[in-house]
Protein backbone atom coordinates (compact mmCIF):
# COMPACT_ATOMS: atom_id res chain seq x y z
CA MET A 1 0.00 0.00 0.00
CA PRO A 2 1.88 2.96 -1.30
CA ILE A 3 2.48 6.41 0.12
CA TYR A 4 3.17 9.10 -2.49
CA LYS A 5 4.95 12.38 -1.87
CA MET A 6 3.02 15.33 -3.33
CA LYS A 7 3.78 18.98 -3.99
CA GLY A 8 2.82 21.25 -1.15
CA SER A 9 3.08 21.47 2.59
CA LYS A 10 1.12 22.64 5.61
CA ASP A 11 2.55 23.80 8.93
CA GLY A 12 6.01 22.74 7.73
CA LYS A 13 4.91 19.16 7.01
CA GLN A 14 5.17 17.58 3.56
CA LYS A 15 1.96 16.56 1.79
CA TYR A 16 1.50 12.80 1.12
CA ARG A 17 -1.16 10.72 -0.61
CA VAL A 18 -1.91 7.42 1.12
CA ARG A 19 -3.47 4.75 -1.07
CA VAL A 20 -4.97 1.65 0.55
CA ASN A 21 -5.89 -1.33 -1.63
CA TYR A 22 -8.41 -3.87 -0.33
CA GLN A 23 -11.13 -6.30 -1.35
CA ASP A 24 -14.72 -5.56 -0.44
CA MET A 25 -17.12 -8.20 0.88
CA ASN A 26 -17.98 -9.29 -2.68
CA GLY A 27 -14.32 -9.91 -3.56
CA ILE A 28 -14.05 -6.83 -5.76
CA ASN A 29 -10.72 -5.00 -5.57
CA ARG A 30 -11.05 -1.40 -4.36
CA GLN A 31 -8.71 1.43 -3.47
CA THR A 32 -9.08 4.46 -1.27
CA ASP A 33 -6.91 7.59 -1.32
CA ARG A 34 -6.41 10.10 1.47
CA VAL A 35 -4.17 13.16 1.76
CA VAL A 36 -2.13 13.43 4.96
CA TYR A 37 0.52 15.92 6.07
CA GLY A 38 3.74 14.51 7.52
CA ARG A 39 5.55 11.25 6.73
CA SER A 40 5.03 9.66 10.13
CA GLU A 41 1.33 10.65 10.09
CA ALA A 42 0.98 9.07 6.63
CA ILE A 43 2.51 5.79 7.78
CA GLU A 44 0.34 5.72 10.91
CA PHE A 45 -2.82 6.56 8.94
CA GLU A 46 -2.09 3.80 6.42
CA ARG A 47 -1.62 1.24 9.20
CA GLU A 48 -4.80 2.26 11.06
CA PHE A 49 -6.96 2.46 7.94
CA ALA A 50 -5.79 -0.96 6.68
CA ASN A 51 -6.53 -2.51 10.08
CA THR A 52 -9.97 -0.88 10.17
CA ILE A 53 -10.88 -2.32 6.77
CA LYS A 54 -9.59 -5.80 7.62
CA ASN A 55 -11.34 -5.93 10.99
CA GLU A 56 -14.63 -4.45 9.83
CA SER A 57 -17.36 -7.05 9.53
CA PRO A 58 -19.07 -7.44 6.13
CA SER A 59 -22.38 -6.18 7.52
CA ASN A 60 -20.71 -2.88 8.42
CA ARG A 61 -19.54 -2.45 4.83
CA MET A 62 -22.58 -3.87 3.05
CA THR A 63 -25.23 -1.51 1.73
CA VAL A 64 -28.92 -2.24 1.21
CA LYS A 65 -28.30 -2.44 -2.54
CA ASP A 66 -25.51 -5.01 -2.06
CA LEU A 67 -27.78 -7.11 0.16
CA TYR A 68 -30.54 -6.96 -2.46
CA LYS A 69 -28.14 -8.12 -5.19
CA GLU A 70 -27.06 -11.11 -3.10
CA TYR A 71 -30.66 -11.95 -2.19
CA TYR A 72 -31.84 -11.72 -5.80
CA ALA A 73 -28.98 -13.91 -7.07
CA LYS A 74 -29.80 -16.63 -4.52
CA LYS A 75 -33.56 -16.50 -5.06
CA GLN A 76 -33.38 -16.81 -8.87
CA ALA A 77 -33.11 -20.58 -8.59
CA GLU A 78 -35.84 -20.87 -5.95
CA LEU A 79 -38.68 -18.62 -7.14
CA ARG A 80 -40.81 -18.51 -10.24
CA GLU A 81 -40.22 -15.86 -12.86
CA GLN A 82 -43.31 -13.82 -12.01
CA SER A 83 -42.44 -13.74 -8.31
CA LEU A 84 -38.92 -12.59 -9.10
CA ARG A 85 -40.23 -9.90 -11.43
CA SER A 86 -42.63 -8.50 -8.83
CA ILE A 87 -39.95 -8.52 -6.09
CA LYS A 88 -37.45 -6.85 -8.42
CA THR A 89 -39.93 -4.17 -9.51
CA TYR A 90 -40.98 -3.31 -5.98
CA ILE A 91 -37.50 -3.20 -4.48
CA GLU A 92 -35.89 -1.31 -7.37
CA ASN A 93 -38.70 1.28 -7.49
CA HIS A 94 -39.47 1.77 -3.80
CA VAL A 95 -36.58 0.57 -1.63
CA ILE A 96 -33.35 1.14 -3.55
CA PRO A 97 -33.84 4.85 -4.43
CA PRO A 98 -34.10 6.10 -0.82
CA LEU A 99 -32.09 3.37 0.96
CA GLY A 100 -29.74 1.82 -1.62
CA SER A 101 -26.56 3.52 -0.43
CA VAL A 102 -27.28 3.16 3.31
CA LYS A 103 -25.04 0.67 5.11
CA LEU A 104 -26.81 -2.11 6.99
CA SER A 105 -25.18 -1.09 10.25
CA LYS A 106 -26.79 2.38 9.92
CA LEU A 107 -30.35 1.11 9.45
CA ASN A 108 -32.66 1.95 12.33
CA LYS A 109 -36.38 2.43 12.96
CA PRO A 110 -36.55 6.20 12.36
CA LEU A 111 -34.69 5.86 9.05
CA LEU A 112 -36.96 3.06 7.88
CA GLN A 113 -40.09 4.92 8.95
CA LYS A 114 -39.09 7.93 6.85
């Protein structure tokens, strides 16, 4: 996971870009960039961020849309075509637009009641 030196400084500290590569819960490779000032701060941030991603449970990273995709893929073999079509239409029109990007760990009663 590389740390890149960039042009610029703040409070006498050099500017660095920290890039962390990881796999999400679906096995897709991702990368996240952050800008940090100071070499030691960049190294520390990289270590902490990598540990946070590795230790985070999949439910903390999974969104409602990701859960729906997994559910739909598993149910395709179990349900009839018409049932799948009605589930897909309802969820994609009424659930995904307001809640698709919300992480499962952030779901609560007030949010669902809205």
